[in-house]
PDB file of all heavy atoms in Angstrom:
ATOM      1  N   SER A   1       4.995  -5.161   1.849  1.00  0.00           N
ATOM      2  CA  SER A   1       6.202  -5.479   1.169  1.00  0.00           C
ATOM      3  C   SER A   1       6.044  -5.328  -0.328  1.00  0.00           C
ATOM      4  O   SER A   1       5.017  -5.017  -0.829  1.00  0.00           O
ATOM      5  CB  SER A   1       6.543  -6.996   1.471  1.00  0.00           C
ATOM      6  OG  SER A   1       5.628  -7.873   0.850  1.00  0.00           O
ATOM      7  N   GLY A   2       7.125  -5.302  -1.026  1.00  0.00           N
ATOM      8  CA  GLY A   2       7.105  -5.088  -2.438  1.00  0.00           C
ATOM      9  C   GLY A   2       7.643  -3.848  -3.006  1.00  0.00           C
ATOM     10  O   GLY A   2       7.780  -3.639  -4.238  1.00  0.00           O
ATOM     11  N   GLY A   3       7.946  -2.839  -2.214  1.00  0.00           N
ATOM     12  CA  GLY A   3       8.383  -1.674  -2.584  1.00  0.00           C
ATOM     13  C   GLY A   3       9.876  -1.797  -3.169  1.00  0.00           C
ATOM     14  O   GLY A   3      10.593  -2.728  -2.936  1.00  0.00           O
ATOM     15  N   GLY A   4      10.250  -0.602  -3.894  1.00  0.00           N
ATOM     16  CA  GLY A   4      11.649  -0.667  -4.437  1.00  0.00           C
ATOM     17  C   GLY A   4      11.852   0.486  -5.304  1.00  0.00           C
ATOM     18  O   GLY A   4      11.116   1.425  -5.470  1.00  0.00           O
ATOM     19  N   LEU A   5      13.007   0.559  -6.050  1.00  0.00           N
ATOM     20  CA  LEU A   5      13.521   1.532  -6.880  1.00  0.00           C
ATOM     21  C   LEU A   5      13.224   1.113  -8.338  1.00  0.00           C
ATOM     22  O   LEU A   5      13.754   0.056  -8.735  1.00  0.00           O
ATOM     23  CB  LEU A   5      14.966   1.828  -6.707  1.00  0.00           C
ATOM     24  CG  LEU A   5      15.633   2.891  -7.639  1.00  0.00           C
ATOM     25  CD1 LEU A   5      14.868   4.280  -7.509  1.00  0.00           C
ATOM     26  CD2 LEU A   5      17.021   2.942  -7.315  1.00  0.00           C
ATOM     27  N   VAL A   6      12.512   1.841  -9.064  1.00  0.00           N
ATOM     28  CA  VAL A   6      12.103   1.424 -10.422  1.00  0.00           C
ATOM     29  C   VAL A   6      12.178   2.733 -11.345  1.00  0.00           C
ATOM     30  O   VAL A   6      12.232   3.799 -10.847  1.00  0.00           O
ATOM     31  CB  VAL A   6      10.671   0.869 -10.539  1.00  0.00           C
ATOM     32  CG1 VAL A   6      10.552  -0.367  -9.689  1.00  0.00           C
ATOM     33  CG2 VAL A   6       9.512   1.928 -10.077  1.00  0.00           C
ATOM     34  N   GLN A   7      12.068   2.455 -12.639  1.00  0.00           N
ATOM     35  CA  GLN A   7      12.014   3.516 -13.698  1.00  0.00           C
ATOM     36  C   GLN A   7      10.608   3.792 -13.940  1.00  0.00           C
ATOM     37  O   GLN A   7       9.776   2.936 -13.903  1.00  0.00           O
ATOM     38  CB  GLN A   7      12.821   3.047 -14.892  1.00  0.00           C
ATOM     39  CG  GLN A   7      14.386   3.267 -14.747  1.00  0.00           C
ATOM     40  CD  GLN A   7      15.092   2.975 -16.070  1.00  0.00           C
ATOM     41  OE1 GLN A   7      15.083   1.867 -16.548  1.00  0.00           O
ATOM     42  NE2 GLN A   7      15.464   4.038 -16.769  1.00  0.00           N
ATOM     43  N   ALA A   8      10.344   5.056 -14.422  1.00  0.00           N
ATOM     44  CA  ALA A   8       9.130   5.415 -14.957  1.00  0.00           C
ATOM     45  C   ALA A   8       8.649   4.488 -16.035  1.00  0.00           C
ATOM     46  O   ALA A   8       9.406   4.066 -16.878  1.00  0.00           O
ATOM     47  CB  ALA A   8       9.042   6.866 -15.483  1.00  0.00           C
ATOM     48  N   GLY A   9       7.385   4.096 -15.912  1.00  0.00           N
ATOM     49  CA  GLY A   9       6.871   3.078 -16.891  1.00  0.00           C
ATOM     50  C   GLY A   9       6.867   1.655 -16.473  1.00  0.00           C
ATOM     51  O   GLY A   9       6.192   0.744 -17.002  1.00  0.00           O
ATOM     52  N   ASP A  10       7.621   1.284 -15.348  1.00  0.00           N
ATOM     53  CA  ASP A  10       7.728   0.098 -14.816  1.00  0.00           C
ATOM     54  C   ASP A  10       6.510  -0.220 -14.003  1.00  0.00           C
ATOM     55  O   ASP A  10       5.629   0.520 -13.759  1.00  0.00           O
ATOM     56  CB  ASP A  10       8.919  -0.026 -13.829  1.00  0.00           C
ATOM     57  CG  ASP A  10      10.291  -0.237 -14.689  1.00  0.00           C
ATOM     58  OD1 ASP A  10      10.170  -0.341 -15.867  1.00  0.00           O
ATOM     59  OD2 ASP A  10      11.283  -0.230 -13.958  1.00  0.00           O
ATOM     60  N   SER A  11       6.444  -1.462 -13.564  1.00  0.00           N
ATOM     61  CA  SER A  11       5.258  -2.003 -12.689  1.00  0.00           C
ATOM     62  C   SER A  11       5.833  -2.566 -11.374  1.00  0.00           C
ATOM     63  O   SER A  11       6.991  -3.040 -11.289  1.00  0.00           O
ATOM     64  CB  SER A  11       4.469  -3.092 -13.476  1.00  0.00           C
ATOM     65  OG  SER A  11       3.867  -2.600 -14.526  1.00  0.00           O
ATOM     66  N   LEU A  12       4.946  -2.425 -10.325  1.00  0.00           N
ATOM     67  CA  LEU A  12       5.282  -3.058  -9.083  1.00  0.00           C
ATOM     68  C   LEU A  12       4.041  -3.668  -8.428  1.00  0.00           C
ATOM     69  O   LEU A  12       2.993  -3.110  -8.761  1.00  0.00           O
ATOM     70  CB  LEU A  12       5.856  -1.998  -8.102  1.00  0.00           C
ATOM     71  CG  LEU A  12       7.361  -1.781  -8.112  1.00  0.00           C
ATOM     72  CD1 LEU A  12       7.610  -0.581  -7.039  1.00  0.00           C
ATOM     73  CD2 LEU A  12       8.273  -2.943  -7.885  1.00  0.00           C
ATOM     74  N   ARG A  13       4.200  -4.611  -7.731  1.00  0.00           N
ATOM     75  CA  ARG A  13       3.133  -5.221  -7.122  1.00  0.00           C
ATOM     76  C   ARG A  13       3.323  -5.277  -5.541  1.00  0.00           C
ATOM     77  O   ARG A  13       4.299  -5.916  -5.097  1.00  0.00           O
ATOM     78  CB  ARG A  13       2.821  -6.682  -7.477  1.00  0.00           C
ATOM     79  CG  ARG A  13       1.451  -7.307  -6.956  1.00  0.00           C
ATOM     80  CD  ARG A  13       1.272  -8.612  -7.653  1.00  0.00           C
ATOM     81  NE  ARG A  13      -0.035  -9.225  -7.050  1.00  0.00           N
ATOM     82  CZ  ARG A  13      -1.282  -8.941  -7.653  1.00  0.00           C
ATOM     83  NH1 ARG A  13      -1.382  -8.171  -8.681  1.00  0.00           N
ATOM     84  NH2 ARG A  13      -2.343  -9.559  -7.158  1.00  0.00           N
ATOM     85  N   LEU A  14       2.611  -4.517  -4.796  1.00  0.00           N
ATOM     86  CA  LEU A  14       2.767  -4.430  -3.306  1.00  0.00           C
ATOM     87  C   LEU A  14       1.841  -5.405  -2.712  1.00  0.00           C
ATOM     88  O   LEU A  14       0.814  -5.715  -3.218  1.00  0.00           O
ATOM     89  CB  LEU A  14       2.442  -3.063  -2.880  1.00  0.00           C
ATOM     90  CG  LEU A  14       3.181  -1.891  -3.444  1.00  0.00           C
ATOM     91  CD1 LEU A  14       2.805  -0.608  -2.749  1.00  0.00           C
ATOM     92  CD2 LEU A  14       4.736  -2.012  -3.406  1.00  0.00           C
ATOM     93  N   SER A  15       2.315  -5.899  -1.554  1.00  0.00           N
ATOM     94  CA  SER A  15       1.419  -6.891  -0.813  1.00  0.00           C
ATOM     95  C   SER A  15       1.305  -6.504   0.662  1.00  0.00           C
ATOM     96  O   SER A  15       2.368  -5.938   1.202  1.00  0.00           O
ATOM     97  CB  SER A  15       2.143  -8.343  -0.968  1.00  0.00           C
ATOM     98  OG  SER A  15       1.336  -9.325  -0.190  1.00  0.00           O
ATOM     99  N   CYS A  16       0.210  -6.768   1.186  1.00  0.00           N
ATOM    100  CA  CYS A  16      -0.100  -6.414   2.703  1.00  0.00           C
ATOM    101  C   CYS A  16      -0.492  -7.751   3.276  1.00  0.00           C
ATOM    102  O   CYS A  16      -1.511  -8.333   2.915  1.00  0.00           O
ATOM    103  CB  CYS A  16      -1.100  -5.420   2.791  1.00  0.00           C
ATOM    104  SG  CYS A  16      -1.627  -5.102   4.462  1.00  0.00           S
ATOM    105  N   LEU A  17       0.366  -8.147   4.236  1.00  0.00           N
ATOM    106  CA  LEU A  17       0.055  -9.473   4.956  1.00  0.00           C
ATOM    107  C   LEU A  17      -0.811  -9.071   6.178  1.00  0.00           C
ATOM    108  O   LEU A  17      -0.292  -8.312   6.998  1.00  0.00           O
ATOM    109  CB  LEU A  17       1.298 -10.228   5.372  1.00  0.00           C
ATOM    110  CG  LEU A  17       1.190 -11.433   6.140  1.00  0.00           C
ATOM    111  CD1 LEU A  17       0.347 -12.590   5.330  1.00  0.00           C
ATOM    112  CD2 LEU A  17       2.484 -11.987   6.525  1.00  0.00           C
ATOM    113  N   VAL A  18      -1.912  -9.664   6.379  1.00  0.00           N
ATOM    114  CA  VAL A  18      -2.849  -9.332   7.420  1.00  0.00           C
ATOM    115  C   VAL A  18      -2.786 -10.461   8.540  1.00  0.00           C
ATOM    116  O   VAL A  18      -2.939 -11.633   8.170  1.00  0.00           O
ATOM    117  CB  VAL A  18      -4.266  -9.229   6.902  1.00  0.00           C
ATOM    118  CG1 VAL A  18      -5.285  -8.819   8.052  1.00  0.00           C
ATOM    119  CG2 VAL A  18      -4.349  -8.132   5.834  1.00  0.00           C
ATOM    120  N   SER A  19      -2.585 -10.176   9.697  1.00  0.00           N
ATOM    121  CA  SER A  19      -2.661 -11.063  10.818  1.00  0.00           C
ATOM    122  C   SER A  19      -3.545 -10.561  12.049  1.00  0.00           C
ATOM    123  O   SER A  19      -3.881  -9.399  12.038  1.00  0.00           O
ATOM    124  CB  SER A  19      -1.266 -11.461  11.336  1.00  0.00           C
ATOM    125  OG  SER A  19      -0.661 -10.305  11.845  1.00  0.00           O
ATOM    126  N   GLY A  20      -3.995 -11.430  12.773  1.00  0.00           N
ATOM    127  CA  GLY A  20      -4.842 -11.088  13.881  1.00  0.00           C
ATOM    128  C   GLY A  20      -6.314 -11.203  13.517  1.00  0.00           C
ATOM    129  O   GLY A  20      -6.673 -11.782  12.439  1.00  0.00           O
ATOM    130  N   PRO A  21      -7.185 -10.684  14.330  1.00  0.00           N
ATOM    131  CA  PRO A  21      -8.676 -10.922  14.264  1.00  0.00           C
ATOM    132  C   PRO A  21      -9.294  -9.972  13.120  1.00  0.00           C
ATOM    133  O   PRO A  21     -10.040  -9.146  13.581  1.00  0.00           O
ATOM    134  CB  PRO A  21      -9.185 -10.590  15.588  1.00  0.00           C
ATOM    135  CG  PRO A  21      -8.299  -9.727  16.241  1.00  0.00           C
ATOM    136  CD  PRO A  21      -6.892  -9.940  15.628  1.00  0.00           C
ATOM    137  N   ILE A  22      -8.974 -10.121  11.955  1.00  0.00           N
ATOM    138  CA  ILE A  22      -9.660  -9.440  10.850  1.00  0.00           C
ATOM    139  C   ILE A  22     -11.049  -9.859  10.738  1.00  0.00           C
ATOM    140  O   ILE A  22     -11.422 -11.029  10.702  1.00  0.00           O
ATOM    141  CB  ILE A  22      -8.858  -9.468   9.560  1.00  0.00           C
ATOM    142  CG1 ILE A  22      -9.440  -8.550   8.478  1.00  0.00           C
ATOM    143  CG2 ILE A  22      -8.806 -10.938   9.114  1.00  0.00           C
ATOM    144  CD1 ILE A  22      -9.139  -7.087   8.807  1.00  0.00           C
ATOM    145  N   ASP A  23     -11.947  -8.909  10.594  1.00  0.00           N
ATOM    146  CA  ASP A  23     -13.423  -9.127  10.506  1.00  0.00           C
ATOM    147  C   ASP A  23     -13.760  -9.051   9.036  1.00  0.00           C
ATOM    148  O   ASP A  23     -13.255  -8.318   8.153  1.00  0.00           O
ATOM    149  CB  ASP A  23     -14.153  -8.201  11.405  1.00  0.00           C
ATOM    150  CG  ASP A  23     -15.645  -8.555  11.478  1.00  0.00           C
ATOM    151  OD1 ASP A  23     -16.451  -8.183  10.653  1.00  0.00           O
ATOM    152  OD2 ASP A  23     -15.923  -9.275  12.519  1.00  0.00           O
ATOM    153  N   SER A  24     -14.844  -9.934   8.638  1.00  0.00           N
ATOM    154  CA  SER A  24     -15.337  -9.898   7.325  1.00  0.00           C
ATOM    155  C   SER A  24     -16.022  -8.558   6.871  1.00  0.00           C
ATOM    156  O   SER A  24     -16.067  -8.259   5.681  1.00  0.00           O
ATOM    157  CB  SER A  24     -16.371 -11.017   7.090  1.00  0.00           C
ATOM    158  OG  SER A  24     -17.495 -10.839   7.877  1.00  0.00           O
ATOM    159  N   THR A  25     -16.379  -7.737   7.864  1.00  0.00           N
ATOM    160  CA  THR A  25     -16.937  -6.511   7.519  1.00  0.00           C
ATOM    161  C   THR A  25     -15.827  -5.418   7.347  1.00  0.00           C
ATOM    162  O   THR A  25     -16.263  -4.233   7.060  1.00  0.00           O
ATOM    163  CB  THR A  25     -17.985  -5.981   8.663  1.00  0.00           C
ATOM    164  OG1 THR A  25     -17.213  -5.904   9.910  1.00  0.00           O
ATOM    165  CG2 THR A  25     -19.037  -6.959   8.814  1.00  0.00           C
ATOM    166  N   SER A  26     -14.767  -5.658   7.534  1.00  0.00           N
ATOM    167  CA  SER A  26     -13.545  -4.689   7.494  1.00  0.00           C
ATOM    168  C   SER A  26     -13.312  -4.242   6.000  1.00  0.00           C
ATOM    169  O   SER A  26     -13.539  -4.925   5.095  1.00  0.00           O
ATOM    170  CB  SER A  26     -12.249  -5.309   8.005  1.00  0.00           C
ATOM    171  OG  SER A  26     -12.344  -5.543   9.478  1.00  0.00           O
ATOM    172  N   VAL A  27     -12.734  -3.056   5.870  1.00  0.00           N
ATOM    173  CA  VAL A  27     -12.325  -2.506   4.639  1.00  0.00           C
ATOM    174  C   VAL A  27     -10.814  -2.375   4.714  1.00  0.00           C
ATOM    175  O   VAL A  27     -10.307  -1.795   5.636  1.00  0.00           O
ATOM    176  CB  VAL A  27     -12.993  -1.120   4.378  1.00  0.00           C
ATOM    177  CG1 VAL A  27     -12.432  -0.588   3.034  1.00  0.00           C
ATOM    178  CG2 VAL A  27     -14.455  -1.327   4.196  1.00  0.00           C
ATOM    179  N   MET A  28     -10.215  -2.904   3.705  1.00  0.00           N
ATOM    180  CA  MET A  28      -8.739  -2.763   3.599  1.00  0.00           C
ATOM    181  C   MET A  28      -8.393  -1.722   2.526  1.00  0.00           C
ATOM    182  O   MET A  28      -9.030  -1.674   1.545  1.00  0.00           O
ATOM    183  CB  MET A  28      -8.089  -4.147   3.306  1.00  0.00           C
ATOM    184  CG  MET A  28      -8.459  -5.226   4.174  1.00  0.00           C
ATOM    185  SD  MET A  28      -7.954  -4.996   5.816  1.00  0.00           S
ATOM    186  CE  MET A  28      -6.211  -4.885   5.572  1.00  0.00           C
ATOM    187  N   ALA A  29      -7.320  -1.038   2.680  1.00  0.00           N
ATOM    188  CA  ALA A  29      -6.968   0.101   1.736  1.00  0.00           C
ATOM    189  C   ALA A  29      -5.536   0.279   1.597  1.00  0.00           C
ATOM    190  O   ALA A  29      -4.660  -0.182   2.432  1.00  0.00           O
ATOM    191  CB  ALA A  29      -7.658   1.280   2.226  1.00  0.00           C
ATOM    192  N   TRP A  30      -5.201   1.014   0.593  1.00  0.00           N
ATOM    193  CA  TRP A  30      -3.884   1.393   0.278  1.00  0.00           C
ATOM    194  C   TRP A  30      -3.838   2.941   0.247  1.00  0.00           C
ATOM    195  O   TRP A  30      -4.732   3.601  -0.393  1.00  0.00           O
ATOM    196  CB  TRP A  30      -3.302   0.859  -1.012  1.00  0.00           C
ATOM    197  CG  TRP A  30      -2.815  -0.547  -0.972  1.00  0.00           C
ATOM    198  CD1 TRP A  30      -3.620  -1.622  -1.392  1.00  0.00           C
ATOM    199  CD2 TRP A  30      -1.703  -1.113  -0.419  1.00  0.00           C
ATOM    200  NE1 TRP A  30      -2.927  -2.815  -1.122  1.00  0.00           N
ATOM    201  CE2 TRP A  30      -1.741  -2.505  -0.686  1.00  0.00           C
ATOM    202  CE3 TRP A  30      -0.508  -0.575   0.013  1.00  0.00           C
ATOM    203  CZ2 TRP A  30      -0.652  -3.405  -0.309  1.00  0.00           C
ATOM    204  CZ3 TRP A  30       0.506  -1.438   0.395  1.00  0.00           C
ATOM    205  CH2 TRP A  30       0.489  -2.832   0.244  1.00  0.00           C
ATOM    206  N   PHE A  31      -2.890   3.585   0.905  1.00  0.00           N
ATOM    207  CA  PHE A  31      -2.650   5.006   0.865  1.00  0.00           C
ATOM    208  C   PHE A  31      -1.266   5.285   0.408  1.00  0.00           C
ATOM    209  O   PHE A  31      -0.370   4.538   0.659  1.00  0.00           O
ATOM    210  CB  PHE A  31      -2.840   5.528   2.300  1.00  0.00           C
ATOM    211  CG  PHE A  31      -4.259   5.770   2.710  1.00  0.00           C
ATOM    212  CD1 PHE A  31      -5.152   4.691   3.029  1.00  0.00           C
ATOM    213  CD2 PHE A  31      -4.821   7.115   2.654  1.00  0.00           C
ATOM    214  CE1 PHE A  31      -6.479   4.935   3.382  1.00  0.00           C
ATOM    215  CE2 PHE A  31      -6.264   7.272   2.948  1.00  0.00           C
ATOM    216  CZ  PHE A  31      -6.983   6.193   3.423  1.00  0.00           C
ATOM    217  N   HIS A  32      -1.075   6.526  -0.134  1.00  0.00           N
ATOM    218  CA  HIS A  32       0.195   6.982  -0.630  1.00  0.00           C
ATOM    219  C   HIS A  32       0.542   8.244   0.056  1.00  0.00           C
ATOM    220  O   HIS A  32      -0.417   9.145   0.071  1.00  0.00           O
ATOM    221  CB  HIS A  32       0.083   7.182  -2.166  1.00  0.00           C
ATOM    222  CG  HIS A  32       1.207   7.897  -2.745  1.00  0.00           C
ATOM    223  ND1 HIS A  32       1.302   8.988  -3.558  1.00  0.00           N
ATOM    224  CD2 HIS A  32       2.608   7.646  -2.663  1.00  0.00           C
ATOM    225  CE1 HIS A  32       2.335   9.427  -3.955  1.00  0.00           C
ATOM    226  NE2 HIS A  32       3.238   8.561  -3.344  1.00  0.00           N
ATOM    227  N   ARG A  33       1.682   8.297   0.514  1.00  0.00           N
ATOM    228  CA  ARG A  33       2.245   9.572   1.102  1.00  0.00           C
ATOM    229  C   ARG A  33       3.474  10.093   0.283  1.00  0.00           C
ATOM    230  O   ARG A  33       4.545   9.481   0.472  1.00  0.00           O
ATOM    231  CB  ARG A  33       2.593   9.420   2.552  1.00  0.00           C
ATOM    232  CG  ARG A  33       2.887  10.877   3.298  1.00  0.00           C
ATOM    233  CD  ARG A  33       3.129  10.633   4.845  1.00  0.00           C
ATOM    234  NE  ARG A  33       4.429   9.879   5.027  1.00  0.00           N
ATOM    235  CZ  ARG A  33       4.696   9.342   6.256  1.00  0.00           C
ATOM    236  NH1 ARG A  33       3.857   9.715   7.312  1.00  0.00           N
ATOM    237  NH2 ARG A  33       5.864   8.763   6.414  1.00  0.00           N
ATOM    238  N   ALA A  34       3.227  11.178  -0.463  1.00  0.00           N
ATOM    239  CA  ALA A  34       4.383  11.768  -1.103  1.00  0.00           C
ATOM    240  C   ALA A  34       5.161  12.562  -0.154  1.00  0.00           C
ATOM    241  O   ALA A  34       4.554  13.009   0.803  1.00  0.00           O
ATOM    242  CB  ALA A  34       3.823  12.602  -2.382  1.00  0.00           C
ATOM    243  N   PRO A  35       6.385  12.892  -0.461  1.00  0.00           N
ATOM    244  CA  PRO A  35       7.232  13.651   0.458  1.00  0.00           C
ATOM    245  C   PRO A  35       6.534  15.047   0.691  1.00  0.00           C
ATOM    246  O   PRO A  35       6.153  15.803  -0.275  1.00  0.00           O
ATOM    247  CB  PRO A  35       8.543  13.907  -0.277  1.00  0.00           C
ATOM    248  CG  PRO A  35       8.564  12.602  -1.155  1.00  0.00           C
ATOM    249  CD  PRO A  35       7.201  12.311  -1.566  1.00  0.00           C
ATOM    250  N   GLY A  36       6.414  15.391   1.982  1.00  0.00           N
ATOM    251  CA  GLY A  36       5.796  16.694   2.243  1.00  0.00           C
ATOM    252  C   GLY A  36       4.298  16.794   2.251  1.00  0.00           C
ATOM    253  O   GLY A  36       3.760  17.910   2.423  1.00  0.00           O
ATOM    254  N   LYS A  37       3.590  15.687   2.002  1.00  0.00           N
ATOM    255  CA  LYS A  37       2.185  15.707   1.810  1.00  0.00           C
ATOM    256  C   LYS A  37       1.484  14.792   2.689  1.00  0.00           C
ATOM    257  O   LYS A  37       2.093  13.851   3.317  1.00  0.00           O
ATOM    258  CB  LYS A  37       1.793  15.439   0.412  1.00  0.00           C
ATOM    259  CG  LYS A  37       2.385  16.342  -0.649  1.00  0.00           C
ATOM    260  CD  LYS A  37       1.847  16.089  -2.072  1.00  0.00           C
ATOM    261  CE  LYS A  37       0.506  16.692  -2.151  1.00  0.00           C
ATOM    262  NZ  LYS A  37       0.052  16.491  -3.663  1.00  0.00           N
ATOM    263  N   ASP A  38       0.203  14.848   2.823  1.00  0.00           N
ATOM    264  CA  ASP A  38      -0.529  13.946   3.707  1.00  0.00           C
ATOM    265  C   ASP A  38      -0.816  12.614   2.961  1.00  0.00           C
ATOM    266  O   ASP A  38      -0.571  12.580   1.772  1.00  0.00           O
ATOM    267  CB  ASP A  38      -2.011  14.600   4.084  1.00  0.00           C
ATOM    268  CG  ASP A  38      -1.878  15.851   4.882  1.00  0.00           C
ATOM    269  OD1 ASP A  38      -0.948  15.932   5.666  1.00  0.00           O
ATOM    270  OD2 ASP A  38      -2.798  16.560   4.856  1.00  0.00           O
ATOM    271  N   ARG A  39      -1.226  11.665   3.723  1.00  0.00           N
ATOM    272  CA  ARG A  39      -1.461  10.356   3.116  1.00  0.00           C
ATOM    273  C   ARG A  39      -2.681  10.560   2.165  1.00  0.00           C
ATOM    274  O   ARG A  39      -3.708  11.222   2.596  1.00  0.00           O
ATOM    275  CB  ARG A  39      -1.798   9.335   4.135  1.00  0.00           C
ATOM    276  CG  ARG A  39      -0.594   8.859   4.897  1.00  0.00           C
ATOM    277  CD  ARG A  39      -0.866   8.035   6.171  1.00  0.00           C
ATOM    278  NE  ARG A  39       0.212   7.450   6.762  1.00  0.00           N
ATOM    279  CZ  ARG A  39       0.224   6.804   7.944  1.00  0.00           C
ATOM    280  NH1 ARG A  39      -1.012   6.587   8.566  1.00  0.00           N
ATOM    281  NH2 ARG A  39       1.334   6.330   8.413  1.00  0.00           N
ATOM    282  N   GLU A  40      -2.700   9.971   0.968  1.00  0.00           N
ATOM    283  CA  GLU A  40      -3.780  10.059   0.040  1.00  0.00           C
ATOM    284  C   GLU A  40      -4.373   8.724  -0.250  1.00  0.00           C
ATOM    285  O   GLU A  40      -3.599   7.677  -0.457  1.00  0.00           O
ATOM    286  CB  GLU A  40      -3.146  10.771  -1.324  1.00  0.00           C
ATOM    287  CG  GLU A  40      -4.198  10.874  -2.413  1.00  0.00           C
ATOM    288  CD  GLU A  40      -3.590  11.320  -3.693  1.00  0.00           C
ATOM    289  OE1 GLU A  40      -2.394  10.977  -3.926  1.00  0.00           O
ATOM    290  OE2 GLU A  40      -4.271  12.135  -4.370  1.00  0.00           O
ATOM    291  N   PHE A  41      -5.700   8.672  -0.312  1.00  0.00           N
ATOM    292  CA  PHE A  41      -6.289   7.439  -0.630  1.00  0.00           C
ATOM    293  C   PHE A  41      -5.938   6.997  -2.050  1.00  0.00           C
ATOM    294  O   PHE A  41      -5.986   7.733  -2.966  1.00  0.00           O
ATOM    295  CB  PHE A  41      -7.850   7.576  -0.470  1.00  0.00           C
ATOM    296  CG  PHE A  41      -8.582   6.386  -0.967  1.00  0.00           C
ATOM    297  CD1 PHE A  41      -8.896   5.275  -0.086  1.00  0.00           C
ATOM    298  CD2 PHE A  41      -9.212   6.385  -2.074  1.00  0.00           C
ATOM    299  CE1 PHE A  41      -9.525   4.213  -0.523  1.00  0.00           C
ATOM    300  CE2 PHE A  41     -10.003   5.299  -2.527  1.00  0.00           C
ATOM    301  CZ  PHE A  41     -10.230   4.167  -1.729  1.00  0.00           C
TER     302      PHE A  41
END
């Protein structure tokens, strides 16, 4: 959650709510997919 329409120079804070059996050894990440491109770390 947290996405939206903003102007260049603005800030946004995205949030990921995790449910289920998440393990302490897990790695959580954010990826970005620009139009026409693969997901990028």
